[in-house]
C-alpha cells in the first residue's frame, strides 16, 4: 500500500486549500482513509476520515464545518478541502489508511506542509 500526499502550501488566514492523497495497493475496499496533522512542538492529531467507499465522513471538532473529506469519483484519491483556514491549522498533514477491522492506522504517506500566515 502506498499513499502519496500533495497540495500543501502557504495560504492567508481565511483562505482555502485542497490536499490530495493518491492511494495504491489497497487489497480490498474495507479500508478507512484519514488525514492527520502535526503542528510544531505538538503531538499528531486526527483531522478527518472517510470510508474508502466515500461514506461516513468524520471530523475533529476543531475543523468541523470548515473542512470536507471526500473520495474523488473514479479516482484512487482522497482529498480534504480546507476552507476558512486559521493560523492554528498550520501543520504537516499526513494521509493514512487502516483496515476497518483494526484500530491503528497501518499505512502512512509522507507529510505535506500547510502554512497559514499573512
Protein backbone atom coordinates (compact mmCIF):
# COMPACT_ATOMS: atom_id res chain seq x y z
CA UNK A 1 0.00 0.00 0.00
CA UNK A 2 1.30 3.41 -0.94
CA UNK A 3 -0.05 6.80 -0.01
CA UNK A 4 1.19 10.00 -1.63
CA UNK A 5 0.06 13.32 -0.17
CA UNK A 6 0.19 16.57 -2.09
CA UNK A 7 -1.27 20.07 -2.17
CA UNK A 8 0.31 21.82 0.76
CA UNK A 9 1.48 25.40 0.64
CA UNK A 10 1.25 28.89 2.06
CA UNK A 11 -2.18 30.48 2.38
CA UNK A 12 -3.51 33.57 4.11
CA UNK A 13 -5.93 33.32 7.03
CA UNK A 14 -9.44 32.85 5.72
CA UNK A 15 -8.17 31.21 2.56
CA UNK A 16 -8.69 27.73 1.17
CA UNK A 17 -6.50 24.82 0.19
CA UNK A 18 -7.13 21.28 -1.04
CA UNK A 19 -4.90 18.38 -0.09
CA UNK A 20 -4.99 15.11 -2.01
CA UNK A 21 -3.79 11.62 -1.18
CA UNK A 22 -3.09 9.23 -4.05
CA UNK A 23 -3.75 5.68 -2.92
CA UNK A 24 -2.46 2.48 -4.47
CA UNK A 25 -2.30 -1.16 -3.48
CA UNK A 26 -5.28 -1.42 -1.14
CA UNK A 27 -6.15 -5.14 -1.05
CA UNK A 28 -9.86 -4.56 -0.60
CA UNK A 29 -12.49 -1.86 -0.21
CA UNK A 30 -12.70 -2.40 3.55
CA UNK A 31 -10.42 0.47 4.43
CA UNK A 32 -10.72 3.85 6.08
CA UNK A 33 -8.68 6.78 4.81
CA UNK A 34 -7.77 9.63 7.12
CA UNK A 35 -5.91 12.87 7.44
CA UNK A 36 -3.83 13.70 10.49
CA UNK A 37 -1.71 16.74 11.22
CA UNK A 38 1.21 17.65 13.43
CA UNK A 39 1.97 21.24 14.34
CA UNK A 40 5.45 22.29 15.50
CA UNK A 41 6.02 21.17 19.07
CA UNK A 42 2.72 19.33 19.28
CA UNK A 43 1.56 15.76 19.00
CA UNK A 44 -0.01 14.41 15.86
CA UNK A 45 -3.78 14.79 15.87
CA UNK A 46 -6.70 13.38 13.92
CA UNK A 47 -8.31 15.69 11.37
CA UNK A 48 -10.86 13.68 9.39
CA UNK A 49 -11.57 10.25 7.95
CA UNK A 50 -13.84 8.56 5.45
CA UNK A 51 -14.55 5.05 4.27
CA UNK A 52 -12.81 4.15 1.02
CA UNK A 53 -16.30 3.92 -0.47
CA UNK A 54 -16.70 7.61 0.31
CA UNK A 55 -19.29 7.09 3.01
CA UNK A 56 -19.47 8.33 6.58
CA UNK A 57 -17.00 11.22 6.78
CA UNK A 58 -16.00 12.19 10.29
CA UNK A 59 -14.18 15.25 11.60
CA UNK A 60 -12.30 16.58 14.57
CA UNK A 61 -14.24 19.28 16.37
CA UNK A 62 -11.58 21.85 15.50
CA UNK A 63 -12.18 21.52 11.76
CA UNK A 64 -15.85 20.53 11.53
CA UNK A 65 -17.75 22.91 9.30
CA UNK A 66 -14.56 24.17 7.65
CA UNK A 67 -13.01 21.00 6.21
CA UNK A 68 -14.57 18.39 3.92
CA UNK A 69 -13.05 14.98 3.23
CA UNK A 70 -14.12 13.02 0.16
CA UNK A 71 -13.07 10.35 -2.25
CA UNK A 72 -12.69 11.64 -5.77
CA UNK A 73 -15.13 9.78 -8.04
CA UNK A 74 -13.44 7.40 -10.40
CA UNK A 75 -10.03 8.10 -8.94
CA UNK A 76 -7.95 6.43 -6.30
CA UNK A 77 -7.53 9.62 -4.32
CA UNK A 78 -8.95 11.03 -1.14
CA UNK A 79 -8.94 14.78 -0.69
CA UNK A 80 -9.64 17.23 2.07
CA UNK A 81 -10.97 20.64 1.13
CA UNK A 82 -9.91 23.14 3.79
CA UNK A 83 -11.80 26.43 3.96
CA UNK A 84 -11.60 29.42 6.27
CA UNK A 85 -8.11 28.42 7.29
CA UNK A 86 -6.70 29.75 10.54
CA UNK A 87 -3.11 30.17 11.72
CA UNK A 88 -3.67 27.28 14.13
CA UNK A 89 -4.24 24.99 11.13
CA UNK A 90 -0.55 25.34 10.31
CA UNK A 91 0.94 21.84 10.42
CA UNK A 92 2.36 18.99 8.43
CA UNK A 93 -0.61 17.00 7.14
CA UNK A 94 -0.43 13.24 6.66
CA UNK A 95 -2.77 10.80 4.99
CA UNK A 96 -3.19 7.35 6.47
CA UNK A 97 -5.14 4.14 5.91
CA UNK A 98 -6.36 1.30 8.09
CA UNK A 99 -8.39 -1.80 7.64
CA UNK A 100 -11.87 -1.39 9.13
CA UNK A 101 -11.24 -4.30 11.48
CA UNK A 102 -8.32 -2.69 13.31
CA UNK A 103 -7.97 0.47 15.37
CA UNK A 104 -4.46 1.55 14.43
CA UNK A 105 -3.62 3.18 11.12
CA UNK A 106 -1.34 0.79 9.32
CA UNK A 107 -0.20 2.83 6.35
CA UNK A 108 1.08 6.38 6.22
CA UNK A 109 2.06 8.76 3.47
CA UNK A 110 4.73 11.40 3.66
CA UNK A 111 3.61 14.73 5.03
CA UNK A 112 2.72 17.89 3.19
CA UNK A 113 3.22 21.25 4.89
CA UNK A 114 0.36 23.72 5.24
CA UNK A 115 1.26 27.19 6.48
CA UNK A 116 -1.48 29.69 7.27
CA UNK A 117 0.01 33.12 7.65
CA UNK A 118 -0.41 36.68 6.49
